[in-house]
Amino acid sequence: MMHLVRSIALCALLGGCAQLQQTPAPDAAPSGAPATTPEPADPEPARVDTSPATGDLGLTVASLGSAREPGLWLKTPLVSAPGQGRLTDPGTGRTVEVELMPLDAEPGAGSRLSLEGYQALGLSPTALPELRVTGLGA
């Protein structure tokens, strides 16, 4: 008899669990109804300045860029569009005009200067000079 009572109690418990599993959560969509997800708001498009920078853009620490890319150039996060610029070595006063090109990095991450740029400023290719960058526009 005790065995029969246990079996009935077990069936009642399992049946109750099955009913709990079939009960939809309060925030769930009813079965048969399509689930809806709120549409994300369209973010405002980022405005990117595509005009060449002018004036004092600040100081940057330069490292040697790719020696395979000829020319006088500086890849820097200080500009968002290509343009002409002037680099000044505050230690020696030497300057050189270069093409400024955007570098996808944080502003304090430093810049990459061409080998010809290093040579024009009289720098050792292993140096990490701090240079003043001036934008000259187009």
N, C-alpha and C. Protein backbone atom coordinates (compact mmCIF):
# COMPACT_ATOMS: atom_id res chain seq x y z
N MET A 1 0.81 -1.17 0.00
CA MET A 1 0.00 0.00 0.00
C MET A 1 0.87 1.26 0.00
N MET A 2 1.90 1.24 0.82
CA MET A 2 2.81 2.36 0.89
C MET A 2 3.46 2.62 -0.47
N HIS A 3 3.74 1.54 -1.16
CA HIS A 3 4.35 1.66 -2.49
C HIS A 3 3.39 2.36 -3.44
N LEU A 4 2.11 2.07 -3.36
CA LEU A 4 1.11 2.68 -4.21
C LEU A 4 0.96 4.17 -3.91
N VAL A 5 1.02 4.56 -2.65
CA VAL A 5 0.93 5.97 -2.26
C VAL A 5 2.13 6.74 -2.79
N ARG A 6 3.31 6.15 -2.68
CA ARG A 6 4.52 6.79 -3.20
C ARG A 6 4.43 6.97 -4.72
N SER A 7 3.94 5.98 -5.40
CA SER A 7 3.82 6.05 -6.86
C SER A 7 2.86 7.15 -7.27
N ILE A 8 1.72 7.26 -6.57
CA ILE A 8 0.73 8.29 -6.89
C ILE A 8 1.32 9.67 -6.60
N ALA A 9 2.03 9.80 -5.49
CA ALA A 9 2.64 11.09 -5.13
C ALA A 9 3.70 11.47 -6.15
N LEU A 10 4.47 10.50 -6.59
CA LEU A 10 5.52 10.76 -7.58
C LEU A 10 4.90 11.19 -8.90
N CYS A 11 3.85 10.52 -9.32
CA CYS A 11 3.17 10.89 -10.57
C CYS A 11 2.59 12.29 -10.46
N ALA A 12 2.02 12.62 -9.31
CA ALA A 12 1.45 13.96 -9.12
C ALA A 12 2.53 15.02 -9.21
N LEU A 13 3.67 14.74 -8.61
CA LEU A 13 4.79 15.70 -8.66
C LEU A 13 5.29 15.85 -10.08
N LEU A 14 5.49 14.75 -10.78
CA LEU A 14 5.99 14.82 -12.15
C LEU A 14 4.99 15.49 -13.06
N GLY A 15 3.73 15.22 -12.87
CA GLY A 15 2.69 15.88 -13.67
C GLY A 15 2.67 17.37 -13.42
N GLY A 16 2.86 17.76 -12.18
CA GLY A 16 2.92 19.19 -11.84
C GLY A 16 4.13 19.85 -12.48
N CYS A 17 5.26 19.16 -12.51
CA CYS A 17 6.47 19.70 -13.15
C CYS A 17 6.25 19.87 -14.64
N ALA A 18 5.57 18.89 -15.25
CA ALA A 18 5.32 18.98 -16.68
C ALA A 18 4.44 20.19 -16.97
N GLN A 19 3.46 20.45 -16.10
CA GLN A 19 2.61 21.61 -16.31
C GLN A 19 3.39 22.90 -16.13
N LEU A 20 4.32 22.93 -15.18
CA LEU A 20 5.15 24.12 -14.99
C LEU A 20 6.02 24.39 -16.19
N GLN A 21 6.55 23.35 -16.78
CA GLN A 21 7.42 23.53 -17.94
C GLN A 21 6.65 24.04 -19.14
N GLN A 22 5.38 23.71 -19.24
CA GLN A 22 4.59 24.13 -20.39
C GLN A 22 3.99 25.52 -20.22
N THR A 23 4.02 26.07 -19.03
CA THR A 23 3.46 27.39 -18.78
C THR A 23 4.43 28.43 -19.31
N PRO A 24 4.01 29.30 -20.25
CA PRO A 24 4.94 30.30 -20.79
C PRO A 24 5.30 31.33 -19.73
N ALA A 25 6.48 31.86 -19.86
CA ALA A 25 6.93 32.92 -18.96
C ALA A 25 6.06 34.14 -19.21
N PRO A 26 5.83 34.99 -18.19
CA PRO A 26 4.95 36.13 -18.33
C PRO A 26 5.35 37.08 -19.46
N ASP A 27 6.64 37.25 -19.72
CA ASP A 27 7.06 38.19 -20.75
C ASP A 27 7.30 37.52 -22.10
N ALA A 28 7.06 36.22 -22.19
CA ALA A 28 7.26 35.53 -23.45
C ALA A 28 6.02 35.71 -24.32
N ALA A 29 6.22 35.68 -25.63
CA ALA A 29 5.10 35.80 -26.56
C ALA A 29 4.30 34.51 -26.51
N PRO A 30 2.95 34.59 -26.60
CA PRO A 30 2.14 33.37 -26.63
C PRO A 30 2.52 32.53 -27.82
N SER A 31 2.39 31.19 -27.66
CA SER A 31 2.77 30.32 -28.77
C SER A 31 1.87 30.62 -29.96
N GLY A 32 2.45 30.58 -31.14
CA GLY A 32 1.73 30.89 -32.35
C GLY A 32 1.84 32.37 -32.71
N ALA A 33 2.14 33.23 -31.74
CA ALA A 33 2.30 34.65 -32.03
C ALA A 33 3.77 34.91 -32.33
N PRO A 34 4.05 35.73 -33.32
CA PRO A 34 5.46 36.00 -33.63
C PRO A 34 6.11 36.79 -32.50
N ALA A 35 7.32 36.41 -32.18
CA ALA A 35 8.07 37.13 -31.16
C ALA A 35 8.53 38.45 -31.75
N THR A 36 8.40 39.50 -31.00
CA THR A 36 8.82 40.81 -31.50
C THR A 36 9.99 41.30 -30.68
N THR A 37 10.92 41.86 -31.39
CA THR A 37 12.09 42.45 -30.75
C THR A 37 12.04 43.95 -31.05
N PRO A 38 12.21 44.77 -30.04
CA PRO A 38 12.17 46.20 -30.32
C PRO A 38 13.27 46.59 -31.30
N GLU A 39 12.92 47.43 -32.24
CA GLU A 39 13.89 47.89 -33.23
C GLU A 39 14.86 48.86 -32.57
N PRO A 40 16.16 48.67 -32.80
CA PRO A 40 17.11 49.63 -32.23
C PRO A 40 16.96 50.98 -32.93
N ALA A 41 17.15 52.02 -32.18
CA ALA A 41 17.08 53.36 -32.76
C ALA A 41 18.25 53.54 -33.72
N ASP A 42 17.97 54.17 -34.85
CA ASP A 42 19.04 54.44 -35.81
C ASP A 42 19.98 55.48 -35.21
N PRO A 43 21.27 55.11 -35.03
CA PRO A 43 22.19 56.10 -34.49
C PRO A 43 22.46 57.17 -35.54
N GLU A 44 22.76 58.35 -35.06
CA GLU A 44 23.08 59.43 -35.98
C GLU A 44 24.39 59.08 -36.67
N PRO A 45 24.46 59.21 -37.98
CA PRO A 45 25.70 58.85 -38.67
C PRO A 45 26.86 59.70 -38.16
N ALA A 46 28.00 59.05 -38.02
CA ALA A 46 29.19 59.77 -37.55
C ALA A 46 29.63 60.74 -38.64
N ARG A 47 29.93 61.93 -38.23
CA ARG A 47 30.40 62.93 -39.19
C ARG A 47 31.92 62.91 -39.19
N VAL A 48 32.47 62.64 -40.35
CA VAL A 48 33.90 62.56 -40.49
C VAL A 48 34.37 63.79 -41.25
N ASP A 49 35.31 64.51 -40.65
CA ASP A 49 35.85 65.68 -41.30
C ASP A 49 36.82 65.22 -42.38
N THR A 50 36.51 65.54 -43.63
CA THR A 50 37.36 65.10 -44.74
C THR A 50 38.19 66.25 -45.30
N SER A 51 38.20 67.39 -44.62
CA SER A 51 39.02 68.50 -45.09
C SER A 51 40.40 68.40 -44.45
N PRO A 52 41.43 68.78 -45.19
CA PRO A 52 42.78 68.72 -44.63
C PRO A 52 42.92 69.65 -43.42
N ALA A 53 43.66 69.20 -42.45
CA ALA A 53 43.85 69.97 -41.22
C ALA A 53 44.79 71.15 -41.47
N THR A 54 44.56 72.22 -40.73
CA THR A 54 45.45 73.38 -40.82
C THR A 54 45.78 73.86 -39.42
N GLY A 55 46.91 74.54 -39.30
CA GLY A 55 47.33 75.09 -38.02
C GLY A 55 48.08 74.07 -37.17
N ASP A 56 48.35 74.47 -35.95
CA ASP A 56 49.10 73.61 -35.03
C ASP A 56 48.24 72.42 -34.62
N LEU A 57 48.71 71.21 -34.90
CA LEU A 57 47.96 70.00 -34.58
C LEU A 57 48.45 69.34 -33.31
N GLY A 58 49.61 69.77 -32.82
CA GLY A 58 50.13 69.23 -31.57
C GLY A 58 51.44 68.50 -31.74
N LEU A 59 51.85 67.87 -30.66
CA LEU A 59 53.08 67.09 -30.63
C LEU A 59 52.76 65.62 -30.77
N THR A 60 53.68 64.89 -31.41
CA THR A 60 53.54 63.45 -31.53
C THR A 60 54.92 62.81 -31.45
N VAL A 61 54.95 61.61 -30.91
CA VAL A 61 56.19 60.83 -30.91
C VAL A 61 56.18 60.00 -32.18
N ALA A 62 57.23 60.12 -32.96
CA ALA A 62 57.30 59.42 -34.25
C ALA A 62 58.21 58.20 -34.14
N SER A 63 57.80 57.17 -34.86
CA SER A 63 58.66 56.01 -35.05
C SER A 63 58.79 55.80 -36.54
N LEU A 64 59.75 54.99 -36.93
CA LEU A 64 60.02 54.76 -38.34
C LEU A 64 58.88 53.97 -38.97
N GLY A 65 58.31 54.52 -40.05
CA GLY A 65 57.27 53.84 -40.80
C GLY A 65 57.90 52.84 -41.76
N SER A 66 57.11 52.32 -42.65
CA SER A 66 57.58 51.32 -43.60
C SER A 66 58.63 51.92 -44.53
N ALA A 67 59.80 51.29 -44.56
CA ALA A 67 60.87 51.75 -45.44
C ALA A 67 60.55 51.44 -46.90
N ARG A 68 59.55 50.62 -47.15
CA ARG A 68 59.15 50.27 -48.53
C ARG A 68 58.28 51.34 -49.16
N GLU A 69 57.78 52.29 -48.36
CA GLU A 69 56.93 53.36 -48.88
C GLU A 69 57.78 54.62 -49.04
N PRO A 70 58.13 54.96 -50.28
CA PRO A 70 58.98 56.13 -50.50
C PRO A 70 58.22 57.44 -50.26
N GLY A 71 58.97 58.51 -50.14
CA GLY A 71 58.37 59.83 -50.02
C GLY A 71 58.50 60.42 -48.64
N LEU A 72 58.05 61.66 -48.56
CA LEU A 72 58.05 62.39 -47.29
C LEU A 72 56.62 62.38 -46.77
N TRP A 73 56.35 61.57 -45.76
CA TRP A 73 55.00 61.42 -45.22
C TRP A 73 55.04 61.14 -43.73
N LEU A 74 53.92 61.45 -43.08
CA LEU A 74 53.72 61.13 -41.68
C LEU A 74 52.31 60.56 -41.56
N LYS A 75 52.19 59.34 -41.07
CA LYS A 75 50.90 58.74 -40.77
C LYS A 75 50.64 59.03 -39.30
N THR A 76 49.54 59.73 -39.03
CA THR A 76 49.30 60.22 -37.68
C THR A 76 47.81 60.23 -37.33
N PRO A 77 47.46 59.94 -36.08
CA PRO A 77 46.07 60.07 -35.66
C PRO A 77 45.65 61.52 -35.45
N LEU A 78 46.55 62.46 -35.65
CA LEU A 78 46.23 63.88 -35.47
C LEU A 78 45.42 64.45 -36.63
N VAL A 79 45.31 63.71 -37.75
CA VAL A 79 44.52 64.17 -38.90
C VAL A 79 43.49 63.11 -39.26
N SER A 80 42.38 63.57 -39.84
CA SER A 80 41.34 62.64 -40.28
C SER A 80 41.24 62.58 -41.80
N ALA A 81 42.03 63.42 -42.49
CA ALA A 81 42.03 63.42 -43.94
C ALA A 81 43.44 63.76 -44.42
N PRO A 82 43.85 63.24 -45.57
CA PRO A 82 45.18 63.56 -46.10
C PRO A 82 45.32 65.05 -46.37
N GLY A 83 46.53 65.53 -46.25
CA GLY A 83 46.82 66.93 -46.53
C GLY A 83 48.32 67.18 -46.38
N GLN A 84 48.71 68.40 -46.62
CA GLN A 84 50.11 68.78 -46.48
C GLN A 84 50.37 69.27 -45.06
N GLY A 85 51.60 69.06 -44.61
CA GLY A 85 51.95 69.49 -43.26
C GLY A 85 53.42 69.78 -43.12
N ARG A 86 53.76 70.33 -41.98
CA ARG A 86 55.17 70.61 -41.67
C ARG A 86 55.48 69.99 -40.32
N LEU A 87 56.62 69.34 -40.25
CA LEU A 87 57.12 68.77 -39.00
C LEU A 87 58.28 69.60 -38.52
N THR A 88 58.28 69.86 -37.23
CA THR A 88 59.38 70.61 -36.63
C THR A 88 59.94 69.79 -35.48
N ASP A 89 61.26 69.63 -35.47
CA ASP A 89 61.94 68.97 -34.36
C ASP A 89 62.28 70.07 -33.36
N PRO A 90 61.57 70.16 -32.22
CA PRO A 90 61.83 71.25 -31.26
C PRO A 90 63.26 71.25 -30.73
N GLY A 91 63.89 70.09 -30.72
CA GLY A 91 65.27 70.02 -30.20
C GLY A 91 66.30 70.67 -31.10
N THR A 92 66.09 70.56 -32.41
CA THR A 92 67.09 71.10 -33.35
C THR A 92 66.55 72.29 -34.15
N GLY A 93 65.24 72.47 -34.18
CA GLY A 93 64.64 73.54 -34.97
C GLY A 93 64.48 73.18 -36.43
N ARG A 94 64.92 72.00 -36.84
CA ARG A 94 64.80 71.59 -38.24
C ARG A 94 63.33 71.34 -38.59
N THR A 95 62.99 71.65 -39.83
CA THR A 95 61.63 71.41 -40.31
C THR A 95 61.67 70.68 -41.65
N VAL A 96 60.56 70.02 -41.96
CA VAL A 96 60.40 69.37 -43.25
C VAL A 96 58.92 69.36 -43.58
N GLU A 97 58.60 69.59 -44.85
CA GLU A 97 57.22 69.51 -45.30
C GLU A 97 56.94 68.09 -45.76
N VAL A 98 55.81 67.55 -45.31
CA VAL A 98 55.46 66.15 -45.58
C VAL A 98 53.98 66.06 -45.96
N GLU A 99 53.60 64.90 -46.47
CA GLU A 99 52.19 64.60 -46.66
C GLU A 99 51.69 63.99 -45.36
N LEU A 100 50.62 64.55 -44.81
CA LEU A 100 50.02 64.01 -43.60
C LEU A 100 48.93 63.02 -44.01
N MET A 101 48.97 61.85 -43.42
CA MET A 101 47.98 60.82 -43.73
C MET A 101 47.37 60.31 -42.44
N PRO A 102 46.06 60.04 -42.44
CA PRO A 102 45.41 59.56 -41.22
C PRO A 102 45.94 58.18 -40.80
N LEU A 103 46.06 58.00 -39.51
CA LEU A 103 46.43 56.71 -38.92
C LEU A 103 45.32 56.34 -37.96
N ASP A 104 44.74 55.17 -38.14
CA ASP A 104 43.63 54.73 -37.30
C ASP A 104 44.16 54.27 -35.94
N ALA A 105 44.30 55.23 -35.04
CA ALA A 105 44.82 54.96 -33.69
C ALA A 105 44.38 56.11 -32.79
N GLU A 106 44.51 55.92 -31.50
CA GLU A 106 44.19 56.97 -30.53
C GLU A 106 45.21 58.11 -30.69
N PRO A 107 44.81 59.36 -30.41
CA PRO A 107 45.72 60.49 -30.59
C PRO A 107 47.07 60.35 -29.88
N GLY A 108 47.15 59.73 -28.73
CA GLY A 108 48.41 59.59 -28.02
C GLY A 108 49.23 58.38 -28.43
N ALA A 109 48.78 57.65 -29.46
CA ALA A 109 49.44 56.40 -29.85
C ALA A 109 50.74 56.62 -30.62
N GLY A 110 51.03 57.84 -31.04
CA GLY A 110 52.24 58.10 -31.80
C GLY A 110 51.97 58.05 -33.30
N SER A 111 52.99 58.36 -34.07
CA SER A 111 52.87 58.47 -35.52
C SER A 111 53.99 57.68 -36.19
N ARG A 112 53.85 57.48 -37.50
CA ARG A 112 54.85 56.76 -38.30
C ARG A 112 55.42 57.73 -39.33
N LEU A 113 56.71 57.93 -39.30
CA LEU A 113 57.39 58.86 -40.21
C LEU A 113 58.20 58.07 -41.23
N SER A 114 58.16 58.54 -42.47
CA SER A 114 58.91 57.86 -43.54
C SER A 114 60.41 57.96 -43.29
N LEU A 115 61.15 57.05 -43.91
CA LEU A 115 62.62 57.06 -43.81
C LEU A 115 63.16 58.38 -44.36
N GLU A 116 62.60 58.86 -45.46
CA GLU A 116 63.05 60.14 -46.03
C GLU A 116 62.77 61.29 -45.07
N GLY A 117 61.69 61.21 -44.32
CA GLY A 117 61.39 62.22 -43.32
C GLY A 117 62.43 62.22 -42.21
N TYR A 118 62.80 61.03 -41.76
CA TYR A 118 63.86 60.91 -40.74
C TYR A 118 65.15 61.53 -41.26
N GLN A 119 65.50 61.20 -42.49
CA GLN A 119 66.75 61.72 -43.07
C GLN A 119 66.71 63.23 -43.22
N ALA A 120 65.57 63.79 -43.66
CA ALA A 120 65.46 65.24 -43.85
C ALA A 120 65.61 65.99 -42.53
N LEU A 121 65.17 65.36 -41.44
CA LEU A 121 65.30 65.99 -40.12
C LEU A 121 66.63 65.66 -39.44
N GLY A 122 67.46 64.86 -40.10
CA GLY A 122 68.76 64.50 -39.54
C GLY A 122 68.65 63.57 -38.35
N LEU A 123 67.64 62.70 -38.35
CA LEU A 123 67.39 61.80 -37.23
C LEU A 123 67.91 60.40 -37.52
N SER A 124 68.34 59.72 -36.48
CA SER A 124 68.69 58.31 -36.59
C SER A 124 67.41 57.51 -36.76
N PRO A 125 67.41 56.50 -37.64
CA PRO A 125 66.20 55.68 -37.82
C PRO A 125 65.73 54.97 -36.55
N THR A 126 66.59 54.87 -35.55
CA THR A 126 66.18 54.23 -34.30
C THR A 126 65.65 55.23 -33.27
N ALA A 127 65.72 56.52 -33.61
CA ALA A 127 65.24 57.56 -32.68
C ALA A 127 63.72 57.56 -32.61
N LEU A 128 63.20 58.02 -31.49
CA LEU A 128 61.76 58.21 -31.30
C LEU A 128 61.54 59.69 -30.96
N PRO A 129 61.67 60.55 -31.97
CA PRO A 129 61.61 61.99 -31.71
C PRO A 129 60.19 62.48 -31.43
N GLU A 130 60.10 63.52 -30.60
CA GLU A 130 58.83 64.21 -30.40
C GLU A 130 58.82 65.36 -31.39
N LEU A 131 57.82 65.38 -32.28
CA LEU A 131 57.76 66.38 -33.35
C LEU A 131 56.50 67.22 -33.24
N ARG A 132 56.63 68.50 -33.58
CA ARG A 132 55.46 69.38 -33.66
C ARG A 132 54.90 69.25 -35.07
N VAL A 133 53.57 69.02 -35.15
CA VAL A 133 52.91 68.83 -36.43
C VAL A 133 52.04 70.06 -36.72
N THR A 134 52.24 70.63 -37.91
CA THR A 134 51.44 71.77 -38.36
C THR A 134 50.77 71.40 -39.66
N GLY A 135 49.45 71.55 -39.72
CA GLY A 135 48.72 71.29 -40.94
C GLY A 135 48.76 72.49 -41.86
N LEU A 136 49.03 72.25 -43.15
CA LEU A 136 49.12 73.32 -44.12
C LEU A 136 47.93 73.30 -45.09
N GLY A 137 46.98 72.40 -44.86
CA GLY A 137 45.82 72.31 -45.73
C GLY A 137 46.09 71.42 -46.93
N ALA A 138 45.39 71.73 -48.03
CA ALA A 138 45.50 70.89 -49.25
C ALA A 138 46.78 71.11 -49.99
